[in-house]
Amino acid sequence: MSSEEKEPIQLLQGTLDLIVLRTLASMGAQHAYQIATRLQQVSERLLNLNQGTLYPALVRLEQYGWIKGTWGRTESNREAKYYAITKAGEKALSQETMRWRRMAGLVERLLLEDFQ
């Protein structure tokens, strides 16, 4: 892997919501630290989410009604808010996934375009 491939990735606006929804849809209810850890694992440590990034996204998603938070106890008996995707969140995930794929396909086509 080149040094460029090991640099942390900066997320585009809107993509954090999408990947948090996807994580909750695939893993079930999780607290913020579990979400951040999972995304770091899946991204092979290219994505590091700090609290200042993740918590506002969780609040925003909860305000949209796409996730619901409930308080519970962690494996180490600490109190934490567990977030689960809602039906509205599942619908939003589907719509946002299609939107992301269209946008990514467009960018890929533009990058491949020969601008001579």
Protein backbone atom coordinates (compact mmCIF):
# COMPACT_ATOMS: atom_id res chain seq x y z
CA MET A 1 0.00 0.00 0.00
CA SER A 2 1.36 3.44 -0.87
CA SER A 3 1.59 6.19 1.74
CA GLU A 4 -1.33 7.97 0.03
CA GLU A 5 -3.54 4.90 0.48
CA LYS A 6 -2.83 4.89 4.24
CA GLU A 7 -3.88 8.49 4.83
CA PRO A 8 -7.18 8.93 6.68
CA ILE A 9 -10.15 9.64 4.45
CA GLN A 10 -12.20 12.81 4.80
CA LEU A 11 -15.90 12.06 4.35
CA LEU A 12 -17.99 14.02 1.91
CA GLN A 13 -20.96 15.81 3.42
CA GLY A 14 -23.89 13.43 3.75
CA THR A 15 -21.88 10.23 3.54
CA LEU A 16 -21.55 9.83 7.31
CA ASP A 17 -25.33 9.59 7.66
CA LEU A 18 -25.39 6.91 4.98
CA ILE A 19 -22.67 4.76 6.54
CA VAL A 20 -24.08 5.08 10.05
CA LEU A 21 -27.51 3.96 8.78
CA ARG A 22 -25.88 1.06 6.92
CA THR A 23 -23.95 0.02 10.03
CA LEU A 24 -27.09 0.00 12.18
CA ALA A 25 -29.07 -1.84 9.50
CA SER A 26 -26.48 -4.60 9.29
CA MET A 27 -25.43 -4.87 12.96
CA GLY A 28 -28.53 -3.90 14.92
CA ALA A 29 -28.57 -1.48 17.83
CA GLN A 30 -25.14 -0.11 18.71
CA HIS A 31 -23.76 2.63 20.93
CA ALA A 32 -21.57 5.37 19.47
CA TYR A 33 -18.25 3.76 20.39
CA GLN A 34 -19.32 0.48 18.75
CA ILE A 35 -20.33 2.34 15.60
CA ALA A 36 -17.03 4.23 15.44
CA THR A 37 -15.03 1.06 16.09
CA ARG A 38 -16.91 -0.90 13.43
CA LEU A 39 -16.42 1.81 10.81
CA GLN A 40 -12.74 1.98 11.65
CA GLN A 41 -12.43 -1.82 11.25
CA VAL A 42 -14.33 -1.97 7.97
CA SER A 43 -12.35 0.94 6.54
CA GLU A 44 -9.08 -0.74 7.58
CA ARG A 45 -8.39 2.24 9.83
CA LEU A 46 -8.73 4.79 7.02
CA LEU A 47 -11.77 6.28 8.71
CA ASN A 48 -11.35 7.69 12.20
CA LEU A 49 -14.47 9.23 13.66
CA ASN A 50 -14.10 11.41 16.70
CA GLN A 51 -16.92 12.36 19.04
CA GLY A 52 -17.18 15.81 17.48
CA THR A 53 -18.01 14.15 14.14
CA LEU A 54 -20.11 11.14 15.14
CA TYR A 55 -22.33 12.56 17.88
CA PRO A 56 -23.76 15.43 15.80
CA ALA A 57 -24.57 12.89 13.07
CA LEU A 58 -26.36 10.65 15.58
CA VAL A 59 -28.35 13.61 16.93
CA ARG A 60 -29.25 14.68 13.38
CA LEU A 61 -30.34 11.17 12.39
CA GLU A 62 -32.44 10.90 15.53
CA GLN A 63 -34.07 14.27 14.78
CA TYR A 64 -34.90 13.04 11.26
CA GLY A 65 -36.57 10.00 12.84
CA TRP A 66 -34.18 7.67 10.99
CA ILE A 67 -32.71 6.21 14.19
CA LYS A 68 -34.00 5.87 17.74
CA GLY A 69 -31.80 5.99 20.81
CA THR A 70 -32.48 4.17 24.06
CA TRP A 71 -30.33 4.03 27.17
CA GLY A 72 -28.81 0.74 28.22
CA ARG A 73 -25.74 -0.85 29.77
CA THR A 74 -22.60 -1.80 27.88
CA GLU A 75 -20.70 -5.06 28.28
CA SER A 76 -18.55 -3.26 30.89
CA ASN A 77 -21.70 -2.11 32.77
CA ARG A 78 -21.44 1.52 31.67
CA GLU A 79 -24.53 3.47 30.72
CA ALA A 80 -24.68 4.27 27.01
CA LYS A 81 -27.23 5.29 24.44
CA TYR A 82 -27.91 2.53 21.92
CA TYR A 83 -29.07 3.58 18.47
CA ALA A 84 -31.26 1.48 16.20
CA ILE A 85 -32.47 2.19 12.69
CA THR A 86 -36.20 2.89 12.29
CA LYS A 87 -38.52 2.00 9.40
CA ALA A 88 -38.12 5.58 8.15
CA GLY A 89 -34.36 5.11 8.45
CA GLU A 90 -34.49 1.93 6.38
CA LYS A 91 -36.37 3.81 3.66
CA ALA A 92 -33.88 6.69 3.83
CA LEU A 93 -30.99 4.21 3.66
CA SER A 94 -32.40 2.72 0.48
CA GLN A 95 -32.94 6.13 -1.11
CA GLU A 96 -29.56 7.50 -0.04
CA THR A 97 -27.79 4.35 -1.24
CA MET A 98 -29.31 4.76 -4.71
CA ARG A 99 -28.42 8.47 -4.72
CA TRP A 100 -24.83 7.72 -3.65
CA ARG A 101 -24.40 5.05 -6.33
CA ARG A 102 -25.66 7.43 -9.03
CA MET A 103 -23.32 10.17 -7.84
CA ALA A 104 -20.33 7.81 -7.55
CA GLY A 105 -21.04 6.46 -11.04
CA LEU A 106 -21.17 9.99 -12.43
CA VAL A 107 -17.87 10.95 -10.79
CA GLU A 108 -16.26 7.74 -12.07
CA ARG A 109 -17.46 8.47 -15.62
CA LEU A 110 -16.12 12.01 -15.42
CA LEU A 111 -12.75 10.79 -14.15
CA LEU A 112 -12.52 8.32 -17.02
CA GLU A 113 -13.59 10.87 -19.62
CA ASP A 114 -10.91 11.86 -22.11
CA PHE A 115 -10.98 15.68 -22.10
CA GLN A 116 -8.85 16.23 -25.19
